[in-house]
Amino acid sequence: MRKVAFITGGSRGIGLGIAEHLAKAGFNLAINGMRPEEAVKDVMISLSRMGAEVIYCQGDIASTQDRQAMLEKIKAHFGHLHVLVNNAGVAPKERNDILAATEESFDYVMSTNLKGTYFLTQAVANWMIAQKANDFTFGSCIINVSSISATIASVNRGEYCISKAGLSMATQLFAVRLGEYNIPVYEVRPGVIKTDMTAGVTAKYDQLIENGLCVQKRWGFPDDIGKAVTALAKGDFPYSTGQVIMVDGGMTLGRL
């Protein structure tokens, strides 16, 4: 039986990089995104050609109803779920200094990046526990994709930093709570990754990387994150629950 992975925000950027590697590794996929299904048809076909059975779960993880509907669709189609990859995230629509940031922006970012992810994880965790109760050999895990912004302060997008710091603590909380069920929970923490989200600051980071921002003198790519997530999903780190996997090219290493 092929294992099933549910990837939020899996139709583009980092999420798609993860989906591609999981498909190649033999997983069937449930891909979540906000766009209509017709808009991601080519992505679904491409993933299918890699050998995966793929379904699309359109919806907003910030919505209680959408989260329920997506899990019901996965249950109806596949009947089980082995891996949850919490990748979906949003940046502030406008970067504002924390002395001028709005409550609307804070709520927008937190509802997706933290609240939606937290309660989706809760629902999936309970389903995984039930699956394991029915089959003691059932193996599962949860992987949260956060950001170096969990610990690196950016005062012009404070709501984003706080959401990722909260997600980092959520990783630890669920790791502790699910330990008795042998369901590991991990955090993958990307650095500067070339995606749609960073397209507007490409020139800025090109210069910073050239001037030594990262130990490894290049951008990160979705492919880099996909490789790390797949290793965790395959069970290559069975004794590392609650841990952070840094994928930042050495950017956050202390240096003189």
C-alpha atoms as a PDB file:
ATOM      1  CA  MET A   1       0.000   0.000   0.000  1.00  0.00           C
ATOM      2  CA  ARG A   2       1.363   3.387  -0.991  1.00  0.00           C
ATOM      3  CA  LYS A   3       1.455   5.915   1.811  1.00  0.00           C
ATOM      4  CA  VAL A   4      -0.592   9.097   1.484  1.00  0.00           C
ATOM      5  CA  ALA A   5       0.752  12.593   2.161  1.00  0.00           C
ATOM      6  CA  PHE A   6      -1.358  15.736   2.499  1.00  0.00           C
ATOM      7  CA  ILE A   7       0.550  18.902   1.573  1.00  0.00           C
ATOM      8  CA  THR A   8      -1.017  22.264   2.287  1.00  0.00           C
ATOM      9  CA  GLY A   9      -0.038  24.935  -0.211  1.00  0.00           C
ATOM     10  CA  GLY A  10       1.282  22.099  -2.366  1.00  0.00           C
ATOM     11  CA  SER A  11       0.538  23.385  -5.856  1.00  0.00           C
ATOM     12  CA  ARG A  12       3.349  25.944  -6.137  1.00  0.00           C
ATOM     13  CA  GLY A  13       6.636  27.091  -4.646  1.00  0.00           C
ATOM     14  CA  ILE A  14       8.060  25.156  -1.713  1.00  0.00           C
ATOM     15  CA  GLY A  15       4.946  22.995  -1.477  1.00  0.00           C
ATOM     16  CA  LEU A  16       5.278  21.842  -5.063  1.00  0.00           C
ATOM     17  CA  GLY A  17       8.958  21.052  -4.534  1.00  0.00           C
ATOM     18  CA  ILE A  18       7.901  18.868  -1.610  1.00  0.00           C
ATOM     19  CA  ALA A  19       5.115  17.223  -3.616  1.00  0.00           C
ATOM     20  CA  GLU A  20       7.464  16.335  -6.468  1.00  0.00           C
ATOM     21  CA  HIS A  21       9.958  14.616  -4.182  1.00  0.00           C
ATOM     22  CA  LEU A  22       7.251  12.739  -2.285  1.00  0.00           C
ATOM     23  CA  ALA A  23       5.727  11.560  -5.566  1.00  0.00           C
ATOM     24  CA  LYS A  24       9.107  10.269  -6.728  1.00  0.00           C
ATOM     25  CA  ALA A  25       9.535   8.534  -3.357  1.00  0.00           C
ATOM     26  CA  GLY A  26       6.344   6.523  -3.847  1.00  0.00           C
ATOM     27  CA  PHE A  27       3.722   8.541  -1.959  1.00  0.00           C
ATOM     28  CA  ASN A  28       0.196   9.235  -3.150  1.00  0.00           C
ATOM     29  CA  LEU A  29      -0.725  12.862  -2.686  1.00  0.00           C
ATOM     30  CA  ALA A  30      -3.501  15.139  -1.550  1.00  0.00           C
ATOM     31  CA  ILE A  31      -2.618  18.666  -2.638  1.00  0.00           C
ATOM     32  CA  ASN A  32      -4.225  21.691  -1.043  1.00  0.00           C
ATOM     33  CA  GLY A  33      -4.359  25.129  -2.598  1.00  0.00           C
ATOM     34  CA  MET A  34      -6.567  28.190  -2.847  1.00  0.00           C
ATOM     35  CA  ARG A  35      -6.782  28.282  -6.637  1.00  0.00           C
ATOM     36  CA  PRO A  36      -9.618  26.566  -8.529  1.00  0.00           C
ATOM     37  CA  GLU A  37      -8.875  22.994  -9.589  1.00  0.00           C
ATOM     38  CA  GLU A  38      -8.805  23.943 -13.262  1.00  0.00           C
ATOM     39  CA  ALA A  39      -5.943  26.367 -12.560  1.00  0.00           C
ATOM     40  CA  VAL A  40      -3.728  23.592 -11.165  1.00  0.00           C
ATOM     41  CA  LYS A  41      -4.604  20.920 -13.715  1.00  0.00           C
ATOM     42  CA  ASP A  42      -1.122  20.918 -15.261  1.00  0.00           C
ATOM     43  CA  VAL A  43       0.488  20.523 -11.832  1.00  0.00           C
ATOM     44  CA  MET A  44      -1.735  17.548 -11.006  1.00  0.00           C
ATOM     45  CA  ILE A  45      -0.936  15.892 -14.334  1.00  0.00           C
ATOM     46  CA  SER A  46       2.797  16.438 -13.812  1.00  0.00           C
ATOM     47  CA  LEU A  47       2.684  14.849 -10.350  1.00  0.00           C
ATOM     48  CA  SER A  48       0.638  11.941 -11.669  1.00  0.00           C
ATOM     49  CA  ARG A  49       3.288  11.273 -14.294  1.00  0.00           C
ATOM     50  CA  MET A  50       5.769  10.801 -11.461  1.00  0.00           C
ATOM     51  CA  GLY A  51       3.762   7.757 -10.372  1.00  0.00           C
ATOM     52  CA  ALA A  52       1.542   9.270  -7.699  1.00  0.00           C
ATOM     53  CA  GLU A  53      -2.220   9.090  -7.412  1.00  0.00           C
ATOM     54  CA  VAL A  54      -3.124  12.723  -6.812  1.00  0.00           C
ATOM     55  CA  ILE A  55      -6.236  14.531  -5.647  1.00  0.00           C
ATOM     56  CA  TYR A  56      -6.731  18.259  -5.241  1.00  0.00           C
ATOM     57  CA  CYS A  57      -8.264  19.676  -2.055  1.00  0.00           C
ATOM     58  CA  GLN A  58      -9.197  23.264  -2.799  1.00  0.00           C
ATOM     59  CA  GLY A  59      -9.731  25.347   0.287  1.00  0.00           C
ATOM     60  CA  ASP A  60      -8.489  27.817   2.866  1.00  0.00           C
ATOM     61  CA  ILE A  61      -6.838  26.194   5.881  1.00  0.00           C
ATOM     62  CA  ALA A  62      -7.886  29.241   7.913  1.00  0.00           C
ATOM     63  CA  SER A  63     -11.510  28.086   7.482  1.00  0.00           C
ATOM     64  CA  THR A  64     -12.889  25.465   9.856  1.00  0.00           C
ATOM     65  CA  GLN A  65     -15.349  24.277   7.220  1.00  0.00           C
ATOM     66  CA  ASP A  66     -12.678  24.032   4.517  1.00  0.00           C
ATOM     67  CA  ARG A  67     -10.367  22.035   6.774  1.00  0.00           C
ATOM     68  CA  GLN A  68     -13.143  19.569   7.552  1.00  0.00           C
ATOM     69  CA  ALA A  69     -14.134  19.253   3.900  1.00  0.00           C
ATOM     70  CA  MET A  70     -10.557  18.590   2.791  1.00  0.00           C
ATOM     71  CA  LEU A  71     -10.018  15.837   5.347  1.00  0.00           C
ATOM     72  CA  GLU A  72     -13.356  14.271   4.438  1.00  0.00           C
ATOM     73  CA  LYS A  73     -12.302  14.236   0.784  1.00  0.00           C
ATOM     74  CA  ILE A  74      -9.006  12.535   1.613  1.00  0.00           C
ATOM     75  CA  LYS A  75     -10.786   9.987   3.809  1.00  0.00           C
ATOM     76  CA  ALA A  76     -13.362   9.239   1.116  1.00  0.00           C
ATOM     77  CA  HIS A  77     -10.766   8.869  -1.645  1.00  0.00           C
ATOM     78  CA  PHE A  78      -7.794   7.204   0.045  1.00  0.00           C
ATOM     79  CA  GLY A  79      -9.243   5.989   3.331  1.00  0.00           C
ATOM     80  CA  HIS A  80      -6.086   6.835   5.268  1.00  0.00           C
ATOM     81  CA  LEU A  81      -3.414   9.494   5.775  1.00  0.00           C
ATOM     82  CA  HIS A  82       0.184   8.866   6.806  1.00  0.00           C
ATOM     83  CA  VAL A  83       1.903  12.240   6.463  1.00  0.00           C
ATOM     84  CA  LEU A  84       0.742  15.818   6.990  1.00  0.00           C
ATOM     85  CA  VAL A  85       3.001  18.538   5.613  1.00  0.00           C
ATOM     86  CA  ASN A  86       1.938  21.923   6.958  1.00  0.00           C
ATOM     87  CA  ASN A  87       3.429  24.149   4.292  1.00  0.00           C
ATOM     88  CA  ALA A  88       0.709  26.703   3.464  1.00  0.00           C
ATOM     89  CA  GLY A  89       1.579  30.199   4.540  1.00  0.00           C
ATOM     90  CA  VAL A  90       1.022  33.830   3.647  1.00  0.00           C
ATOM     91  CA  ALA A  91       3.117  36.951   3.975  1.00  0.00           C
ATOM     92  CA  PRO A  92       1.718  40.353   4.943  1.00  0.00           C
ATOM     93  CA  LYS A  93       0.035  42.016   1.972  1.00  0.00           C
ATOM     94  CA  GLU A  94       2.061  45.111   2.829  1.00  0.00           C
ATOM     95  CA  ARG A  95       5.333  45.202   4.755  1.00  0.00           C
ATOM     96  CA  ASN A  96       4.881  47.732   7.525  1.00  0.00           C
ATOM     97  CA  ASP A  97       7.059  48.660  10.475  1.00  0.00           C
ATOM     98  CA  ILE A  98       5.716  47.105  13.673  1.00  0.00           C
ATOM     99  CA  LEU A  99       5.003  50.646  14.951  1.00  0.00           C
ATOM    100  CA  ALA A 100       2.533  51.071  12.098  1.00  0.00           C
ATOM    101  CA  ALA A 101       1.285  47.525  11.380  1.00  0.00           C
ATOM    102  CA  THR A 102      -2.457  46.887  11.442  1.00  0.00           C
ATOM    103  CA  GLU A 103      -4.591  44.410  13.336  1.00  0.00           C
ATOM    104  CA  GLU A 104      -6.124  43.341  10.016  1.00  0.00           C
ATOM    105  CA  SER A 105      -2.722  42.301   8.684  1.00  0.00           C
ATOM    106  CA  PHE A 106      -1.886  40.514  11.941  1.00  0.00           C
ATOM    107  CA  ASP A 107      -5.140  38.552  11.858  1.00  0.00           C
ATOM    108  CA  TYR A 108      -4.732  37.696   8.168  1.00  0.00           C
ATOM    109  CA  VAL A 109      -1.258  36.232   8.622  1.00  0.00           C
ATOM    110  CA  MET A 110      -1.913  34.490  11.932  1.00  0.00           C
ATOM    111  CA  SER A 111      -5.175  32.867  10.827  1.00  0.00           C
ATOM    112  CA  THR A 112      -3.409  30.931   8.077  1.00  0.00           C
ATOM    113  CA  ASN A 113       0.150  30.517   9.303  1.00  0.00           C
ATOM    114  CA  LEU A 114      -0.653  29.580  12.886  1.00  0.00           C
ATOM    115  CA  LYS A 115      -4.323  29.159  13.790  1.00  0.00           C
ATOM    116  CA  GLY A 116      -5.322  27.247  10.660  1.00  0.00           C
ATOM    117  CA  THR A 117      -2.234  25.061  10.801  1.00  0.00           C
ATOM    118  CA  TYR A 118      -2.675  24.412  14.536  1.00  0.00           C
ATOM    119  CA  PHE A 119      -6.237  23.177  14.213  1.00  0.00           C
ATOM    120  CA  LEU A 120      -5.593  21.224  11.017  1.00  0.00           C
ATOM    121  CA  THR A 121      -2.802  19.452  12.884  1.00  0.00           C
ATOM    122  CA  GLN A 122      -5.165  18.764  15.775  1.00  0.00           C
ATOM    123  CA  ALA A 123      -7.721  17.151  13.447  1.00  0.00           C
ATOM    124  CA  VAL A 124      -5.132  15.109  11.569  1.00  0.00           C
ATOM    125  CA  ALA A 125      -3.422  14.012  14.783  1.00  0.00           C
ATOM    126  CA  ASN A 126      -6.696  12.609  16.108  1.00  0.00           C
ATOM    127  CA  TRP A 127      -7.271  10.780  12.824  1.00  0.00           C
ATOM    128  CA  MET A 128      -3.738   9.346  12.924  1.00  0.00           C
ATOM    129  CA  ILE A 129      -4.302   8.153  16.486  1.00  0.00           C
ATOM    130  CA  ALA A 130      -7.504   6.406  15.386  1.00  0.00           C
ATOM    131  CA  GLN A 131      -5.740   4.783  12.433  1.00  0.00           C
ATOM    132  CA  LYS A 132      -2.964   3.540  14.697  1.00  0.00           C
ATOM    133  CA  ALA A 133      -5.550   2.125  17.137  1.00  0.00           C
ATOM    134  CA  ASN A 134      -6.964   0.026  14.296  1.00  0.00           C
ATOM    135  CA  ASP A 135      -3.538  -1.073  13.024  1.00  0.00           C
ATOM    136  CA  PHE A 136      -0.526  -0.998  15.355  1.00  0.00           C
ATOM    137  CA  THR A 137       1.824  -1.162  12.332  1.00  0.00           C
ATOM    138  CA  PHE A 138       0.425   2.103  10.942  1.00  0.00           C
ATOM    139  CA  GLY A 139       3.231   4.667  10.616  1.00  0.00           C
ATOM    140  CA  SER A 140       2.661   8.402  10.380  1.00  0.00           C
ATOM    141  CA  CYS A 141       4.294  11.755  10.997  1.00  0.00           C
ATOM    142  CA  ILE A 142       3.643  15.485  10.856  1.00  0.00           C
ATOM    143  CA  ILE A 143       6.060  17.970   9.290  1.00  0.00           C
ATOM    144  CA  ASN A 144       5.762  21.725   9.782  1.00  0.00           C
ATOM    145  CA  VAL A 145       7.477  24.027   7.303  1.00  0.00           C
ATOM    146  CA  SER A 146       8.333  27.195   9.191  1.00  0.00           C
ATOM    147  CA  SER A 147      11.028  29.774   8.434  1.00  0.00           C
ATOM    148  CA  ILE A 148      14.227  31.275   9.785  1.00  0.00           C
ATOM    149  CA  SER A 149      11.846  34.117  10.689  1.00  0.00           C
ATOM    150  CA  ALA A 150      10.902  31.993  13.704  1.00  0.00           C
ATOM    151  CA  THR A 151      14.067  33.335  15.342  1.00  0.00           C
ATOM    152  CA  ILE A 152      15.342  36.116  13.043  1.00  0.00           C
ATOM    153  CA  ALA A 153      13.576  39.430  13.676  1.00  0.00           C
ATOM    154  CA  SER A 154      12.286  41.416  10.688  1.00  0.00           C
ATOM    155  CA  VAL A 155      10.610  44.523  12.069  1.00  0.00           C
ATOM    156  CA  ASN A 156       8.799  45.258   8.815  1.00  0.00           C
ATOM    157  CA  ARG A 157       6.873  41.974   8.930  1.00  0.00           C
ATOM    158  CA  GLY A 158       6.470  41.246  12.593  1.00  0.00           C
ATOM    159  CA  GLU A 159       3.222  39.330  12.181  1.00  0.00           C
ATOM    160  CA  TYR A 160       4.979  36.837   9.905  1.00  0.00           C
ATOM    161  CA  CYS A 161       7.846  36.323  12.382  1.00  0.00           C
ATOM    162  CA  ILE A 162       5.443  35.798  15.273  1.00  0.00           C
ATOM    163  CA  SER A 163       3.383  33.300  13.258  1.00  0.00           C
ATOM    164  CA  LYS A 164       6.477  31.227  12.497  1.00  0.00           C
ATOM    165  CA  ALA A 165       7.738  31.402  16.076  1.00  0.00           C
ATOM    166  CA  GLY A 166       4.333  30.150  17.174  1.00  0.00           C
ATOM    167  CA  LEU A 167       4.477  27.331  14.635  1.00  0.00           C
ATOM    168  CA  SER A 168       7.849  26.320  16.049  1.00  0.00           C
ATOM    169  CA  MET A 169       6.316  25.988  19.519  1.00  0.00           C
ATOM    170  CA  ALA A 170       3.340  24.121  18.044  1.00  0.00           C
ATOM    171  CA  THR A 171       5.824  21.592  16.656  1.00  0.00           C
ATOM    172  CA  GLN A 172       7.203  20.992  20.128  1.00  0.00           C
ATOM    173  CA  LEU A 173       3.763  20.800  21.710  1.00  0.00           C
ATOM    174  CA  PHE A 174       2.430  18.228  19.269  1.00  0.00           C
ATOM    175  CA  ALA A 175       5.687  16.270  19.407  1.00  0.00           C
ATOM    176  CA  VAL A 176       5.306  15.941  23.167  1.00  0.00           C
ATOM    177  CA  ARG A 177       1.597  15.129  23.027  1.00  0.00           C
ATOM    178  CA  LEU A 178       1.912  12.536  20.250  1.00  0.00           C
ATOM    179  CA  GLY A 179       5.002  10.845  21.640  1.00  0.00           C
ATOM    180  CA  GLU A 180       2.958   8.145  23.371  1.00  0.00           C
ATOM    181  CA  TYR A 181       1.531   7.184  19.980  1.00  0.00           C
ATOM    182  CA  ASN A 182       4.922   7.145  18.269  1.00  0.00           C
ATOM    183  CA  ILE A 183       3.851   9.862  15.835  1.00  0.00           C
ATOM    184  CA  PRO A 184       6.911  12.073  15.307  1.00  0.00           C
ATOM    185  CA  VAL A 185       6.473  15.778  14.603  1.00  0.00           C
ATOM    186  CA  TYR A 186       9.218  17.761  12.895  1.00  0.00           C
ATOM    187  CA  GLU A 187       9.968  21.325  11.861  1.00  0.00           C
ATOM    188  CA  VAL A 188      11.776  22.162   8.637  1.00  0.00           C
ATOM    189  CA  ARG A 189      13.073  25.722   8.732  1.00  0.00           C
ATOM    190  CA  PRO A 190      13.916  27.168   5.295  1.00  0.00           C
ATOM    191  CA  GLY A 191      16.150  30.163   4.741  1.00  0.00           C
ATOM    192  CA  VAL A 192      15.946  32.444   1.705  1.00  0.00           C
ATOM    193  CA  ILE A 193      14.130  30.357  -0.913  1.00  0.00           C
ATOM    194  CA  LYS A 194      13.473  31.456  -4.485  1.00  0.00           C
ATOM    195  CA  THR A 195       9.664  31.369  -4.825  1.00  0.00           C
ATOM    196  CA  ASP A 196       6.758  33.666  -5.686  1.00  0.00           C
ATOM    197  CA  MET A 197       6.862  34.971  -2.104  1.00  0.00           C
ATOM    198  CA  THR A 198      10.427  36.269  -2.510  1.00  0.00           C
ATOM    199  CA  ALA A 199      10.052  37.471  -6.106  1.00  0.00           C
ATOM    200  CA  GLY A 200       9.625  41.079  -5.015  1.00  0.00           C
ATOM    201  CA  VAL A 201      12.902  41.123  -3.082  1.00  0.00           C
ATOM    202  CA  THR A 202      15.072  39.165  -5.534  1.00  0.00           C
ATOM    203  CA  ALA A 203      17.507  42.006  -6.205  1.00  0.00           C
ATOM    204  CA  LYS A 204      17.905  42.684  -2.477  1.00  0.00           C
ATOM    205  CA  TYR A 205      18.762  39.076  -1.670  1.00  0.00           C
ATOM    206  CA  ASP A 206      20.937  38.607  -4.743  1.00  0.00           C
ATOM    207  CA  GLN A 207      23.147  41.343  -3.330  1.00  0.00           C
ATOM    208  CA  LEU A 208      23.040  40.047   0.233  1.00  0.00           C
ATOM    209  CA  ILE A 209      23.915  36.502  -0.843  1.00  0.00           C
ATOM    210  CA  GLU A 210      26.756  37.822  -2.994  1.00  0.00           C
ATOM    211  CA  ASN A 211      28.057  39.677   0.057  1.00  0.00           C
ATOM    212  CA  GLY A 212      28.063  36.610   2.304  1.00  0.00           C
ATOM    213  CA  LEU A 213      24.579  36.357   3.815  1.00  0.00           C
ATOM    214  CA  CYS A 214      24.769  32.555   3.581  1.00  0.00           C
ATOM    215  CA  VAL A 215      27.731  30.242   4.098  1.00  0.00           C
ATOM    216  CA  GLN A 216      26.688  28.457   0.913  1.00  0.00           C
ATOM    217  CA  LYS A 217      26.678  31.305  -1.572  1.00  0.00           C
ATOM    218  CA  ARG A 218      23.378  30.711  -3.351  1.00  0.00           C
ATOM    219  CA  TRP A 219      19.624  30.931  -3.020  1.00  0.00           C
ATOM    220  CA  GLY A 220      17.744  27.981  -1.620  1.00  0.00           C
ATOM    221  CA  PHE A 221      15.218  26.294  -3.904  1.00  0.00           C
ATOM    222  CA  PRO A 222      11.994  24.339  -3.347  1.00  0.00           C
ATOM    223  CA  ASP A 223      13.975  21.265  -4.374  1.00  0.00           C
ATOM    224  CA  ASP A 224      16.171  21.684  -1.278  1.00  0.00           C
ATOM    225  CA  ILE A 225      13.141  21.685   1.010  1.00  0.00           C
ATOM    226  CA  GLY A 226      11.563  18.770  -0.857  1.00  0.00           C
ATOM    227  CA  LYS A 227      14.581  16.578  -0.202  1.00  0.00           C
ATOM    228  CA  ALA A 228      14.566  17.322   3.536  1.00  0.00           C
ATOM    229  CA  VAL A 229      10.830  16.787   3.962  1.00  0.00           C
ATOM    230  CA  THR A 230      10.913  13.519   2.032  1.00  0.00           C
ATOM    231  CA  ALA A 231      13.688  12.128   4.228  1.00  0.00           C
ATOM    232  CA  LEU A 232      11.518  12.850   7.282  1.00  0.00           C
ATOM    233  CA  ALA A 233       8.369  11.468   5.655  1.00  0.00           C
ATOM    234  CA  LYS A 234      10.151   8.237   4.733  1.00  0.00           C
ATOM    235  CA  GLY A 235      11.115   7.720   8.361  1.00  0.00           C
ATOM    236  CA  ASP A 236      14.842   8.340   7.990  1.00  0.00           C
ATOM    237  CA  PHE A 237      14.878  10.287  11.299  1.00  0.00           C
ATOM    238  CA  PRO A 238      12.748   8.070  13.572  1.00  0.00           C
ATOM    239  CA  TYR A 239      14.373   9.192  16.845  1.00  0.00           C
ATOM    240  CA  SER A 240      14.296  12.962  16.293  1.00  0.00           C
ATOM    241  CA  THR A 241      10.756  14.047  17.087  1.00  0.00           C
ATOM    242  CA  GLY A 242      10.340  17.723  17.910  1.00  0.00           C
ATOM    243  CA  GLN A 243      13.574  18.698  16.208  1.00  0.00           C
ATOM    244  CA  VAL A 244      14.305  21.496  13.748  1.00  0.00           C
ATOM    245  CA  ILE A 245      15.902  20.703  10.400  1.00  0.00           C
ATOM    246  CA  MET A 246      17.636  23.837   9.123  1.00  0.00           C
ATOM    247  CA  VAL A 247      17.672  24.282   5.338  1.00  0.00           C
ATOM    248  CA  ASP A 248      19.214  27.737   5.105  1.00  0.00           C
ATOM    249  CA  GLY A 249      22.641  27.338   3.543  1.00  0.00           C
ATOM    250  CA  GLY A 250      24.274  28.144   6.877  1.00  0.00           C
ATOM    251  CA  MET A 251      22.642  31.571   6.994  1.00  0.00           C
ATOM    252  CA  THR A 252      21.858  31.410  10.716  1.00  0.00           C
ATOM    253  CA  LEU A 253      25.227  30.062  11.834  1.00  0.00           C
ATOM    254  CA  GLY A 254      27.032  32.309  14.275  1.00  0.00           C
ATOM    255  CA  ARG A 255      30.045  33.792  12.525  1.00  0.00           C
ATOM    256  CA  LEU A 256      32.788  36.307  13.249  1.00  0.00           C
END
